[in-house]
Amino acid sequence: MRKTKKMTWAAVAAFAGLAAAAAQEIRPSRWGADDTLGAVNLLSREAVVRAAELVTTGKTYSLGVETGPATPAFGTRWSRITVIDLGSNGANKVTGHDDLLTTWLGIGSQLDGLGHVGIDGVHYNGVPRSEFYNTAGITRFGMEDLPPIVTRGVLLDMARHAGKERLEPGTALNSDEIAAAARQQGVMIGTGDVVLLHTGWLGVADEDPQRFLSGAPGIGVDGARYLVDRGVVAVGADTWGVEVAPEEVAGQFIPVHQLLLAENGVYILENMDTRELAADRAYEFMFVLGQPKFTGAVQTVINPVAIR
């Protein structure tokens, strides 16, 4: 396994800006005091039908990256598979294999759920972690409760908009840049959409995994608020953290995760492989995700599919 940038949650807690972020207030969910789903409440059958109408060529795009021992991963995360020989069984001599996977679920292409990040121990809809955290699996916000996410997908090619093959680390994508890219592409972001940002940064993972994890272009706090106001279900990018790194305000740590997940119930899709979509200028498509239902998981490895 390749060595990666070291960062633990204990180290994260040492950031001075975290205390300031914790002072933010998490508003009650508009879907009620018992809501645990957040923005996926914006999904509808009608949205699925409209998304299906975007399918005109039948071409499919795998948005997930390969996950294995060499996958660049945040902090100390890693993945390992063991294939077991089952021997010969029965009079008909059946032979075969099983596999045992030992992994972090937040590795490679991944979905961040609402139990992943909070503000000073408080998560989406004002739920304190003391009410759901358990080392054997969280008892609220788990991946098993999420419905399939099938809706309209929008790709914003932020690299092309900037006239570059790849944006530089620390490039913040905020409302002005996002709105301008959407206008240039002739697309509108609407309620229930999944929005993916293409920055070109994923290619660095193949070239230099250490550099890939050392920083990234990504969405800024203002950009995240802009997308929340448009009514999106999830925000993704071709980077390991979706948000800009280093952060816009020195001393803060993943404030966009807090804004999206804890404050607004909007899901995060990390390490999305948007290269083929960008090459085809496929800016609107049907987005399909049926995430693994690991009981009590706060996040999970995924392979969404775009269809156009």
C-alpha atoms as a PDB file:
ATOM      1  CA  MET A   1       0.000   0.000   0.000  1.00  0.00           C
ATOM      2  CA  ARG A   2       1.284   3.427  -0.891  1.00  0.00           C
ATOM      3  CA  LYS A   3       1.868   5.773   2.006  1.00  0.00           C
ATOM      4  CA  THR A   4      -0.555   8.669   2.186  1.00  0.00           C
ATOM      5  CA  LYS A   5      -0.850  11.974   3.935  1.00  0.00           C
ATOM      6  CA  LYS A   6      -1.295  11.373   7.668  1.00  0.00           C
ATOM      7  CA  MET A   7      -4.273  13.013   9.309  1.00  0.00           C
ATOM      8  CA  THR A   8      -6.309  11.589  12.169  1.00  0.00           C
ATOM      9  CA  TRP A   9      -9.523  12.830  13.712  1.00  0.00           C
ATOM     10  CA  ALA A  10      -7.564  13.518  16.915  1.00  0.00           C
ATOM     11  CA  ALA A  11      -5.338  15.875  14.940  1.00  0.00           C
ATOM     12  CA  VAL A  12      -8.382  17.430  13.310  1.00  0.00           C
ATOM     13  CA  ALA A  13      -9.776  18.335  16.732  1.00  0.00           C
ATOM     14  CA  ALA A  14      -6.670  20.423  17.352  1.00  0.00           C
ATOM     15  CA  PHE A  15      -7.524  22.891  14.627  1.00  0.00           C
ATOM     16  CA  ALA A  16      -8.273  26.272  16.142  1.00  0.00           C
ATOM     17  CA  GLY A  17     -10.976  27.018  13.628  1.00  0.00           C
ATOM     18  CA  LEU A  18     -13.031  24.023  14.626  1.00  0.00           C
ATOM     19  CA  ALA A  19     -14.213  25.762  17.765  1.00  0.00           C
ATOM     20  CA  ALA A  20     -15.449  28.690  15.721  1.00  0.00           C
ATOM     21  CA  ALA A  21     -17.295  26.373  13.341  1.00  0.00           C
ATOM     22  CA  ALA A  22     -18.879  24.590  16.284  1.00  0.00           C
ATOM     23  CA  ALA A  23     -20.604  27.786  17.265  1.00  0.00           C
ATOM     24  CA  GLN A  24     -22.827  27.522  14.192  1.00  0.00           C
ATOM     25  CA  GLU A  25     -26.426  26.588  14.870  1.00  0.00           C
ATOM     26  CA  ILE A  26     -27.928  23.555  13.184  1.00  0.00           C
ATOM     27  CA  ARG A  27     -31.496  24.423  12.233  1.00  0.00           C
ATOM     28  CA  PRO A  28     -34.317  21.871  12.562  1.00  0.00           C
ATOM     29  CA  SER A  29     -35.050  19.934   9.386  1.00  0.00           C
ATOM     30  CA  ARG A  30     -37.846  21.277   7.216  1.00  0.00           C
ATOM     31  CA  TRP A  31     -39.061  17.670   6.988  1.00  0.00           C
ATOM     32  CA  GLY A  32     -39.709  17.420  10.685  1.00  0.00           C
ATOM     33  CA  ALA A  33     -38.065  16.588  13.985  1.00  0.00           C
ATOM     34  CA  ASP A  34     -37.783  12.886  13.177  1.00  0.00           C
ATOM     35  CA  ASP A  35     -36.219  13.299   9.735  1.00  0.00           C
ATOM     36  CA  THR A  36     -32.983  11.379   9.204  1.00  0.00           C
ATOM     37  CA  LEU A  37     -32.757  11.513   5.402  1.00  0.00           C
ATOM     38  CA  GLY A  38     -32.095  15.161   4.641  1.00  0.00           C
ATOM     39  CA  ALA A  39     -32.031  16.294   1.024  1.00  0.00           C
ATOM     40  CA  VAL A  40     -32.987  12.900  -0.413  1.00  0.00           C
ATOM     41  CA  ASN A  41     -36.520  13.919   0.580  1.00  0.00           C
ATOM     42  CA  LEU A  42     -36.336  16.072  -2.562  1.00  0.00           C
ATOM     43  CA  LEU A  43     -36.257  12.972  -4.760  1.00  0.00           C
ATOM     44  CA  SER A  44     -39.509  12.028  -6.468  1.00  0.00           C
ATOM     45  CA  ARG A  45     -40.975   9.650  -9.017  1.00  0.00           C
ATOM     46  CA  GLU A  46     -41.547  12.609 -11.291  1.00  0.00           C
ATOM     47  CA  ALA A  47     -37.840  13.481 -11.097  1.00  0.00           C
ATOM     48  CA  VAL A  48     -36.942   9.919 -12.100  1.00  0.00           C
ATOM     49  CA  VAL A  49     -39.194  10.161 -15.154  1.00  0.00           C
ATOM     50  CA  ARG A  50     -37.658  13.498 -16.139  1.00  0.00           C
ATOM     51  CA  ALA A  51     -34.168  12.075 -15.691  1.00  0.00           C
ATOM     52  CA  ALA A  52     -35.053   9.081 -17.855  1.00  0.00           C
ATOM     53  CA  GLU A  53     -36.035  11.474 -20.634  1.00  0.00           C
ATOM     54  CA  LEU A  54     -32.389  12.609 -20.760  1.00  0.00           C
ATOM     55  CA  VAL A  55     -31.351   9.143 -21.976  1.00  0.00           C
ATOM     56  CA  THR A  56     -31.021   9.437 -25.761  1.00  0.00           C
ATOM     57  CA  THR A  57     -27.885   7.444 -26.663  1.00  0.00           C
ATOM     58  CA  GLY A  58     -27.883   4.666 -24.068  1.00  0.00           C
ATOM     59  CA  LYS A  59     -24.260   5.346 -23.200  1.00  0.00           C
ATOM     60  CA  THR A  60     -23.298   4.582 -19.608  1.00  0.00           C
ATOM     61  CA  TYR A  61     -20.483   6.096 -17.545  1.00  0.00           C
ATOM     62  CA  SER A  62     -18.957   4.477 -14.490  1.00  0.00           C
ATOM     63  CA  LEU A  63     -18.232   7.251 -12.004  1.00  0.00           C
ATOM     64  CA  GLY A  64     -16.368   5.074  -9.514  1.00  0.00           C
ATOM     65  CA  VAL A  65     -12.620   4.494  -9.343  1.00  0.00           C
ATOM     66  CA  GLU A  66     -10.924   1.185  -8.612  1.00  0.00           C
ATOM     67  CA  THR A  67     -10.538   0.464  -4.904  1.00  0.00           C
ATOM     68  CA  GLY A  68      -7.550  -1.532  -3.711  1.00  0.00           C
ATOM     69  CA  PRO A  69      -4.282  -1.468  -1.765  1.00  0.00           C
ATOM     70  CA  ALA A  70      -2.835   1.279  -3.992  1.00  0.00           C
ATOM     71  CA  THR A  71      -5.856   3.600  -3.803  1.00  0.00           C
ATOM     72  CA  PRO A  72      -4.760   7.025  -2.495  1.00  0.00           C
ATOM     73  CA  ALA A  73      -6.778   7.573   0.675  1.00  0.00           C
ATOM     74  CA  PHE A  74      -7.258  10.257   3.295  1.00  0.00           C
ATOM     75  CA  GLY A  75      -5.387   9.797   6.570  1.00  0.00           C
ATOM     76  CA  THR A  76      -4.652   6.219   7.564  1.00  0.00           C
ATOM     77  CA  ARG A  77      -7.387   4.590   5.481  1.00  0.00           C
ATOM     78  CA  TRP A  78      -6.563   1.486   3.479  1.00  0.00           C
ATOM     79  CA  SER A  79      -8.171  -1.532   1.784  1.00  0.00           C
ATOM     80  CA  ARG A  80      -7.130  -5.177   1.468  1.00  0.00           C
ATOM     81  CA  ILE A  81      -8.821  -8.232  -0.040  1.00  0.00           C
ATOM     82  CA  THR A  82      -8.110 -11.876   0.794  1.00  0.00           C
ATOM     83  CA  VAL A  83      -9.311 -14.545  -1.661  1.00  0.00           C
ATOM     84  CA  ILE A  84      -9.982 -17.906  -0.026  1.00  0.00           C
ATOM     85  CA  ASP A  85      -9.716 -21.266  -1.781  1.00  0.00           C
ATOM     86  CA  LEU A  86     -12.858 -23.251  -0.924  1.00  0.00           C
ATOM     87  CA  GLY A  87     -11.355 -26.582  -1.917  1.00  0.00           C
ATOM     88  CA  SER A  88     -13.307 -29.384  -3.576  1.00  0.00           C
ATOM     89  CA  ASN A  89     -16.838 -30.111  -2.390  1.00  0.00           C
ATOM     90  CA  GLY A  90     -19.421 -32.787  -3.129  1.00  0.00           C
ATOM     91  CA  ALA A  91     -19.430 -35.781  -5.414  1.00  0.00           C
ATOM     92  CA  ASN A  92     -19.448 -33.382  -8.371  1.00  0.00           C
ATOM     93  CA  LYS A  93     -16.196 -31.783  -7.146  1.00  0.00           C
ATOM     94  CA  VAL A  94     -17.320 -28.187  -6.981  1.00  0.00           C
ATOM     95  CA  THR A  95     -14.384 -25.850  -6.561  1.00  0.00           C
ATOM     96  CA  GLY A  96     -14.463 -22.134  -6.016  1.00  0.00           C
ATOM     97  CA  HIS A  97     -13.403 -19.080  -4.086  1.00  0.00           C
ATOM     98  CA  ASP A  98     -14.741 -16.597  -1.562  1.00  0.00           C
ATOM     99  CA  ASP A  99     -13.317 -13.221  -0.688  1.00  0.00           C
ATOM    100  CA  LEU A 100     -12.806 -11.396   2.580  1.00  0.00           C
ATOM    101  CA  LEU A 101     -12.601  -7.614   2.374  1.00  0.00           C
ATOM    102  CA  THR A 102     -10.909  -5.617   5.118  1.00  0.00           C
ATOM    103  CA  THR A 103     -11.347  -1.938   4.396  1.00  0.00           C
ATOM    104  CA  TRP A 104     -12.397   1.501   5.451  1.00  0.00           C
ATOM    105  CA  LEU A 105     -15.695   2.398   3.796  1.00  0.00           C
ATOM    106  CA  GLY A 106     -14.485   5.962   3.205  1.00  0.00           C
ATOM    107  CA  ILE A 107     -11.990   5.045   0.519  1.00  0.00           C
ATOM    108  CA  GLY A 108     -11.945   5.488  -3.241  1.00  0.00           C
ATOM    109  CA  SER A 109     -15.266   6.704  -4.654  1.00  0.00           C
ATOM    110  CA  GLN A 110     -17.490   7.197  -1.636  1.00  0.00           C
ATOM    111  CA  LEU A 111     -20.758   8.568  -0.335  1.00  0.00           C
ATOM    112  CA  ASP A 112     -20.616  10.592   2.893  1.00  0.00           C
ATOM    113  CA  GLY A 113     -23.742  10.170   4.989  1.00  0.00           C
ATOM    114  CA  LEU A 114     -25.270  12.420   7.630  1.00  0.00           C
ATOM    115  CA  GLY A 115     -23.650  10.522  10.489  1.00  0.00           C
ATOM    116  CA  HIS A 116     -20.184  11.307   9.155  1.00  0.00           C
ATOM    117  CA  VAL A 117     -19.599  14.943  10.146  1.00  0.00           C
ATOM    118  CA  GLY A 118     -21.198  17.183  12.749  1.00  0.00           C
ATOM    119  CA  ILE A 119     -20.595  20.486  14.505  1.00  0.00           C
ATOM    120  CA  ASP A 120     -19.249  20.143  18.025  1.00  0.00           C
ATOM    121  CA  GLY A 121     -20.882  16.743  18.425  1.00  0.00           C
ATOM    122  CA  VAL A 122     -24.219  17.758  16.898  1.00  0.00           C
ATOM    123  CA  HIS A 123     -25.336  16.326  13.549  1.00  0.00           C
ATOM    124  CA  TYR A 124     -28.084  16.925  11.012  1.00  0.00           C
ATOM    125  CA  ASN A 125     -31.443  18.012  12.428  1.00  0.00           C
ATOM    126  CA  GLY A 126     -29.812  18.882  15.758  1.00  0.00           C
ATOM    127  CA  VAL A 127     -29.214  15.266  16.764  1.00  0.00           C
ATOM    128  CA  PRO A 128     -26.336  14.891  19.261  1.00  0.00           C
ATOM    129  CA  ARG A 129     -23.902  12.089  18.541  1.00  0.00           C
ATOM    130  CA  SER A 130     -24.630  10.642  21.984  1.00  0.00           C
ATOM    131  CA  GLU A 131     -28.023   9.544  20.634  1.00  0.00           C
ATOM    132  CA  PHE A 132     -26.715   7.443  17.744  1.00  0.00           C
ATOM    133  CA  TYR A 133     -22.970   6.806  17.957  1.00  0.00           C
ATOM    134  CA  ASN A 134     -21.998   3.188  18.623  1.00  0.00           C
ATOM    135  CA  THR A 135     -18.733   1.464  17.736  1.00  0.00           C
ATOM    136  CA  ALA A 136     -20.766  -1.461  16.365  1.00  0.00           C
ATOM    137  CA  GLY A 137     -22.588   0.849  13.948  1.00  0.00           C
ATOM    138  CA  ILE A 138     -24.516   4.091  14.227  1.00  0.00           C
ATOM    139  CA  THR A 139     -28.182   3.711  15.138  1.00  0.00           C
ATOM    140  CA  ARG A 140     -29.383   6.686  13.085  1.00  0.00           C
ATOM    141  CA  PHE A 141     -28.353   8.047   9.666  1.00  0.00           C
ATOM    142  CA  GLY A 142     -26.948   4.630   8.614  1.00  0.00           C
ATOM    143  CA  MET A 143     -26.423   3.695   4.973  1.00  0.00           C
ATOM    144  CA  GLU A 144     -29.098   1.002   5.267  1.00  0.00           C
ATOM    145  CA  ASP A 145     -31.828   3.625   5.509  1.00  0.00           C
ATOM    146  CA  LEU A 146     -30.987   5.531   2.324  1.00  0.00           C
ATOM    147  CA  PRO A 147     -33.206   4.937  -0.709  1.00  0.00           C
ATOM    148  CA  PRO A 148     -31.681   4.639  -4.181  1.00  0.00           C
ATOM    149  CA  ILE A 149     -30.661   8.013  -5.575  1.00  0.00           C
ATOM    150  CA  VAL A 150     -32.040   8.225  -9.115  1.00  0.00           C
ATOM    151  CA  THR A 151     -32.406  11.707 -10.501  1.00  0.00           C
ATOM    152  CA  ARG A 152     -31.053  14.259 -12.950  1.00  0.00           C
ATOM    153  CA  GLY A 153     -27.291  14.652 -12.837  1.00  0.00           C
ATOM    154  CA  VAL A 154     -25.479  17.833 -13.826  1.00  0.00           C
ATOM    155  CA  LEU A 155     -21.768  18.003 -14.622  1.00  0.00           C
ATOM    156  CA  LEU A 156     -20.089  21.380 -14.322  1.00  0.00           C
ATOM    157  CA  ASP A 157     -16.756  21.325 -16.135  1.00  0.00           C
ATOM    158  CA  MET A 158     -14.946  23.872 -14.011  1.00  0.00           C
ATOM    159  CA  ALA A 159     -11.595  23.143 -15.652  1.00  0.00           C
ATOM    160  CA  ARG A 160     -12.898  23.842 -19.157  1.00  0.00           C
ATOM    161  CA  HIS A 161     -14.663  26.965 -17.903  1.00  0.00           C
ATOM    162  CA  ALA A 162     -11.316  28.220 -16.602  1.00  0.00           C
ATOM    163  CA  GLY A 163      -9.602  27.318 -19.866  1.00  0.00           C
ATOM    164  CA  LYS A 164      -7.414  24.722 -18.194  1.00  0.00           C
ATOM    165  CA  GLU A 165      -6.916  20.981 -18.290  1.00  0.00           C
ATOM    166  CA  ARG A 166      -6.635  20.898 -14.502  1.00  0.00           C
ATOM    167  CA  LEU A 167      -7.296  23.395 -11.726  1.00  0.00           C
ATOM    168  CA  GLU A 168      -4.632  24.032  -9.112  1.00  0.00           C
ATOM    169  CA  PRO A 169      -4.883  23.048  -5.429  1.00  0.00           C
ATOM    170  CA  GLY A 170      -6.481  25.759  -3.329  1.00  0.00           C
ATOM    171  CA  THR A 171      -8.700  26.973  -6.186  1.00  0.00           C
ATOM    172  CA  ALA A 172     -12.044  27.751  -4.539  1.00  0.00           C
ATOM    173  CA  LEU A 173     -15.173  27.274  -6.632  1.00  0.00           C
ATOM    174  CA  ASN A 174     -17.866  29.597  -5.343  1.00  0.00           C
ATOM    175  CA  SER A 175     -21.203  30.947  -6.540  1.00  0.00           C
ATOM    176  CA  ASP A 176     -19.790  33.232  -9.238  1.00  0.00           C
ATOM    177  CA  GLU A 177     -17.708  30.468 -10.816  1.00  0.00           C
ATOM    178  CA  ILE A 178     -20.434  27.840 -10.518  1.00  0.00           C
ATOM    179  CA  ALA A 179     -23.140  30.078 -11.971  1.00  0.00           C
ATOM    180  CA  ALA A 180     -20.874  31.199 -14.809  1.00  0.00           C
ATOM    181  CA  ALA A 181     -19.923  27.622 -15.714  1.00  0.00           C
ATOM    182  CA  ALA A 182     -23.576  26.593 -15.743  1.00  0.00           C
ATOM    183  CA  ARG A 183     -24.456  29.509 -18.028  1.00  0.00           C
ATOM    184  CA  GLN A 184     -21.568  28.685 -20.356  1.00  0.00           C
ATOM    185  CA  GLN A 185     -22.766  25.084 -20.607  1.00  0.00           C
ATOM    186  CA  GLY A 186     -26.405  26.073 -21.015  1.00  0.00           C
ATOM    187  CA  VAL A 187     -27.647  24.129 -17.986  1.00  0.00           C
ATOM    188  CA  MET A 188     -29.720  25.109 -14.979  1.00  0.00           C
ATOM    189  CA  ILE A 189     -29.329  23.510 -11.557  1.00  0.00           C
ATOM    190  CA  GLY A 190     -32.685  22.488 -10.124  1.00  0.00           C
ATOM    191  CA  THR A 191     -34.388  20.911  -7.147  1.00  0.00           C
ATOM    192  CA  GLY A 192     -33.480  17.272  -6.650  1.00  0.00           C
ATOM    193  CA  ASP A 193     -30.369  17.359  -8.843  1.00  0.00           C
ATOM    194  CA  VAL A 194     -27.014  15.734  -8.155  1.00  0.00           C
ATOM    195  CA  VAL A 195     -24.251  18.142  -9.140  1.00  0.00           C
ATOM    196  CA  LEU A 196     -20.740  16.939 -10.007  1.00  0.00           C
ATOM    197  CA  LEU A 197     -17.765  19.261 -10.470  1.00  0.00           C
ATOM    198  CA  HIS A 198     -14.986  18.335 -12.880  1.00  0.00           C
ATOM    199  CA  THR A 199     -11.655  19.938 -11.950  1.00  0.00           C
ATOM    200  CA  GLY A 200      -9.241  17.555 -13.677  1.00  0.00           C
ATOM    201  CA  TRP A 201      -7.607  16.773 -10.322  1.00  0.00           C
ATOM    202  CA  LEU A 202      -8.338  13.021 -10.317  1.00  0.00           C
ATOM    203  CA  GLY A 203      -5.627  12.433 -12.913  1.00  0.00           C
ATOM    204  CA  VAL A 204      -3.026  13.397 -10.305  1.00  0.00           C
ATOM    205  CA  ALA A 205      -3.956  10.288  -8.296  1.00  0.00           C
ATOM    206  CA  ASP A 206      -2.415   8.129 -11.036  1.00  0.00           C
ATOM    207  CA  GLU A 207       0.631  10.360 -11.485  1.00  0.00           C
ATOM    208  CA  ASP A 208       1.534  11.266  -7.905  1.00  0.00           C
ATOM    209  CA  PRO A 209      -0.680   9.949  -5.064  1.00  0.00           C
ATOM    210  CA  GLN A 210       1.145  12.036  -2.460  1.00  0.00           C
ATOM    211  CA  ARG A 211       0.502  15.240  -4.385  1.00  0.00           C
ATOM    212  CA  PHE A 212      -3.101  14.213  -5.028  1.00  0.00           C
ATOM    213  CA  LEU A 213      -3.741  14.114  -1.271  1.00  0.00           C
ATOM    214  CA  SER A 214      -1.693  17.209  -0.396  1.00  0.00           C
ATOM    215  CA  GLY A 215      -4.391  19.623  -1.546  1.00  0.00           C
ATOM    216  CA  ALA A 216      -7.105  20.058  -4.148  1.00  0.00           C
ATOM    217  CA  PRO A 217      -9.261  22.515  -6.020  1.00  0.00           C
ATOM    218  CA  GLY A 218     -12.821  22.359  -4.810  1.00  0.00           C
ATOM    219  CA  ILE A 219     -16.026  23.930  -3.718  1.00  0.00           C
ATOM    220  CA  GLY A 220     -15.889  26.832  -1.279  1.00  0.00           C
ATOM    221  CA  VAL A 221     -18.351  27.698   1.471  1.00  0.00           C
ATOM    222  CA  ASP A 222     -20.163  30.270  -0.687  1.00  0.00           C
ATOM    223  CA  GLY A 223     -20.369  27.754  -3.532  1.00  0.00           C
ATOM    224  CA  ALA A 224     -21.809  25.132  -1.213  1.00  0.00           C
ATOM    225  CA  ARG A 225     -24.486  27.564   0.019  1.00  0.00           C
ATOM    226  CA  TYR A 226     -25.322  28.416  -3.585  1.00  0.00           C
ATOM    227  CA  LEU A 227     -25.930  24.752  -4.415  1.00  0.00           C
ATOM    228  CA  VAL A 228     -27.940  24.210  -1.225  1.00  0.00           C
ATOM    229  CA  ASP A 229     -30.156  27.133  -2.239  1.00  0.00           C
ATOM    230  CA  ARG A 230     -30.730  25.465  -5.622  1.00  0.00           C
ATOM    231  CA  GLY A 231     -32.163  22.413  -3.804  1.00  0.00           C
ATOM    232  CA  VAL A 232     -29.554  19.796  -4.714  1.00  0.00           C
ATOM    233  CA  VAL A 233     -29.572  16.305  -3.186  1.00  0.00           C
ATOM    234  CA  ALA A 234     -25.826  15.688  -3.394  1.00  0.00           C
ATOM    235  CA  VAL A 235     -22.625  17.420  -4.440  1.00  0.00           C
ATOM    236  CA  GLY A 236     -19.637  15.533  -5.832  1.00  0.00           C
ATOM    237  CA  ALA A 237     -16.287  16.150  -7.469  1.00  0.00           C
ATOM    238  CA  ASP A 238     -13.247  14.407  -8.918  1.00  0.00           C
ATOM    239  CA  THR A 239     -11.268  15.123  -5.734  1.00  0.00           C
ATOM    240  CA  TRP A 240     -10.721  13.303  -2.461  1.00  0.00           C
ATOM    241  CA  GLY A 241     -12.654  15.820  -0.357  1.00  0.00           C
ATOM    242  CA  VAL A 242     -14.920  17.728  -2.796  1.00  0.00           C
ATOM    243  CA  GLU A 243     -14.184  21.001  -0.963  1.00  0.00           C
ATOM    244  CA  VAL A 244     -11.175  23.192  -1.585  1.00  0.00           C
ATOM    245  CA  ALA A 245      -7.936  22.304   0.217  1.00  0.00           C
ATOM    246  CA  PRO A 246      -6.316  24.138   1.869  1.00  0.00           C
ATOM    247  CA  GLU A 247      -9.512  25.657   3.231  1.00  0.00           C
ATOM    248  CA  GLU A 248     -10.408  29.278   2.504  1.00  0.00           C
ATOM    249  CA  VAL A 249     -10.051  30.330   6.150  1.00  0.00           C
ATOM    250  CA  ALA A 250      -6.836  29.283   7.858  1.00  0.00           C
ATOM    251  CA  GLY A 251      -7.400  27.041  10.858  1.00  0.00           C
ATOM    252  CA  GLN A 252     -10.763  25.670   9.755  1.00  0.00           C
ATOM    253  CA  PHE A 253     -11.154  22.034   8.771  1.00  0.00           C
ATOM    254  CA  ILE A 254     -13.694  20.767   6.189  1.00  0.00           C
ATOM    255  CA  PRO A 255     -16.257  23.547   6.779  1.00  0.00           C
ATOM    256  CA  VAL A 256     -18.078  22.621   3.552  1.00  0.00           C
ATOM    257  CA  HIS A 257     -18.694  19.125   4.946  1.00  0.00           C
ATOM    258  CA  GLN A 258     -20.285  20.745   7.989  1.00  0.00           C
ATOM    259  CA  LEU A 259     -22.428  23.077   5.879  1.00  0.00           C
ATOM    260  CA  LEU A 260     -23.641  20.380   3.506  1.00  0.00           C
ATOM    261  CA  LEU A 261     -24.047  17.382   5.813  1.00  0.00           C
ATOM    262  CA  ALA A 262     -24.776  18.765   9.269  1.00  0.00           C
ATOM    263  CA  GLU A 263     -26.569  21.993   8.451  1.00  0.00           C
ATOM    264  CA  ASN A 264     -28.487  21.019   5.309  1.00  0.00           C
ATOM    265  CA  GLY A 265     -28.559  17.227   4.919  1.00  0.00           C
ATOM    266  CA  VAL A 266     -26.936  17.379   1.462  1.00  0.00           C
ATOM    267  CA  TYR A 267     -24.828  14.312   0.669  1.00  0.00           C
ATOM    268  CA  ILE A 268     -21.223  14.342  -0.561  1.00  0.00           C
ATOM    269  CA  LEU A 269     -19.762  12.195  -3.366  1.00  0.00           C
ATOM    270  CA  GLU A 270     -15.975  12.033  -3.282  1.00  0.00           C
ATOM    271  CA  ASN A 271     -13.490  10.816  -5.920  1.00  0.00           C
ATOM    272  CA  MET A 272     -15.993  10.780  -8.759  1.00  0.00           C
ATOM    273  CA  ASP A 273     -14.442   9.843 -12.087  1.00  0.00           C
ATOM    274  CA  THR A 274     -15.860  12.601 -14.274  1.00  0.00           C
ATOM    275  CA  ARG A 275     -13.239  12.420 -17.001  1.00  0.00           C
ATOM    276  CA  GLU A 276     -15.290  10.642 -19.643  1.00  0.00           C
ATOM    277  CA  LEU A 277     -18.360  12.784 -18.984  1.00  0.00           C
ATOM    278  CA  ALA A 278     -16.229  15.903 -19.397  1.00  0.00           C
ATOM    279  CA  ALA A 279     -14.604  14.607 -22.573  1.00  0.00           C
ATOM    280  CA  ASP A 280     -18.062  13.975 -24.073  1.00  0.00           C
ATOM    281  CA  ARG A 281     -19.379  17.297 -22.766  1.00  0.00           C
ATOM    282  CA  ALA A 282     -22.182  15.318 -21.186  1.00  0.00           C
ATOM    283  CA  TYR A 283     -23.533  18.018 -18.929  1.00  0.00           C
ATOM    284  CA  GLU A 284     -26.963  16.489 -18.221  1.00  0.00           C
ATOM    285  CA  PHE A 285     -27.673  12.819 -17.603  1.00  0.00           C
ATOM    286  CA  MET A 286     -29.608  10.300 -15.582  1.00  0.00           C
ATOM    287  CA  PHE A 287     -27.778   9.660 -12.307  1.00  0.00           C
ATOM    288  CA  VAL A 288     -28.232   6.242 -10.700  1.00  0.00           C
ATOM    289  CA  LEU A 289     -26.867   5.147  -7.335  1.00  0.00           C
ATOM    290  CA  GLY A 290     -27.888   2.113  -5.313  1.00  0.00           C
ATOM    291  CA  GLN A 291     -25.458   2.261  -2.406  1.00  0.00           C
ATOM    292  CA  PRO A 292     -24.482  -0.861  -0.412  1.00  0.00           C
ATOM    293  CA  LYS A 293     -26.712  -1.149   2.660  1.00  0.00           C
ATOM    294  CA  PHE A 294     -24.077  -1.783   5.308  1.00  0.00           C
ATOM    295  CA  THR A 295     -25.949  -1.569   8.592  1.00  0.00           C
ATOM    296  CA  GLY A 296     -24.787   1.314  10.754  1.00  0.00           C
ATOM    297  CA  ALA A 297     -22.238   2.650   8.252  1.00  0.00           C
ATOM    298  CA  VAL A 298     -21.592   6.394   8.147  1.00  0.00           C
ATOM    299  CA  GLN A 299     -20.233   6.277   4.587  1.00  0.00           C
ATOM    300  CA  THR A 300     -19.661   3.695   1.887  1.00  0.00           C
ATOM    301  CA  VAL A 301     -17.707   2.867  -1.259  1.00  0.00           C
ATOM    302  CA  ILE A 302     -19.838   3.466  -4.341  1.00  0.00           C
ATOM    303  CA  ASN A 303     -19.883   3.232  -8.132  1.00  0.00           C
ATOM    304  CA  PRO A 304     -22.610   5.557  -9.413  1.00  0.00           C
ATOM    305  CA  VAL A 305     -23.624   5.362 -13.049  1.00  0.00           C
ATOM    306  CA  ALA A 306     -24.431   8.225 -15.401  1.00  0.00           C
ATOM    307  CA  ILE A 307     -26.644   7.382 -18.402  1.00  0.00           C
ATOM    308  CA  ARG A 308     -27.280   9.601 -21.388  1.00  0.00           C
END
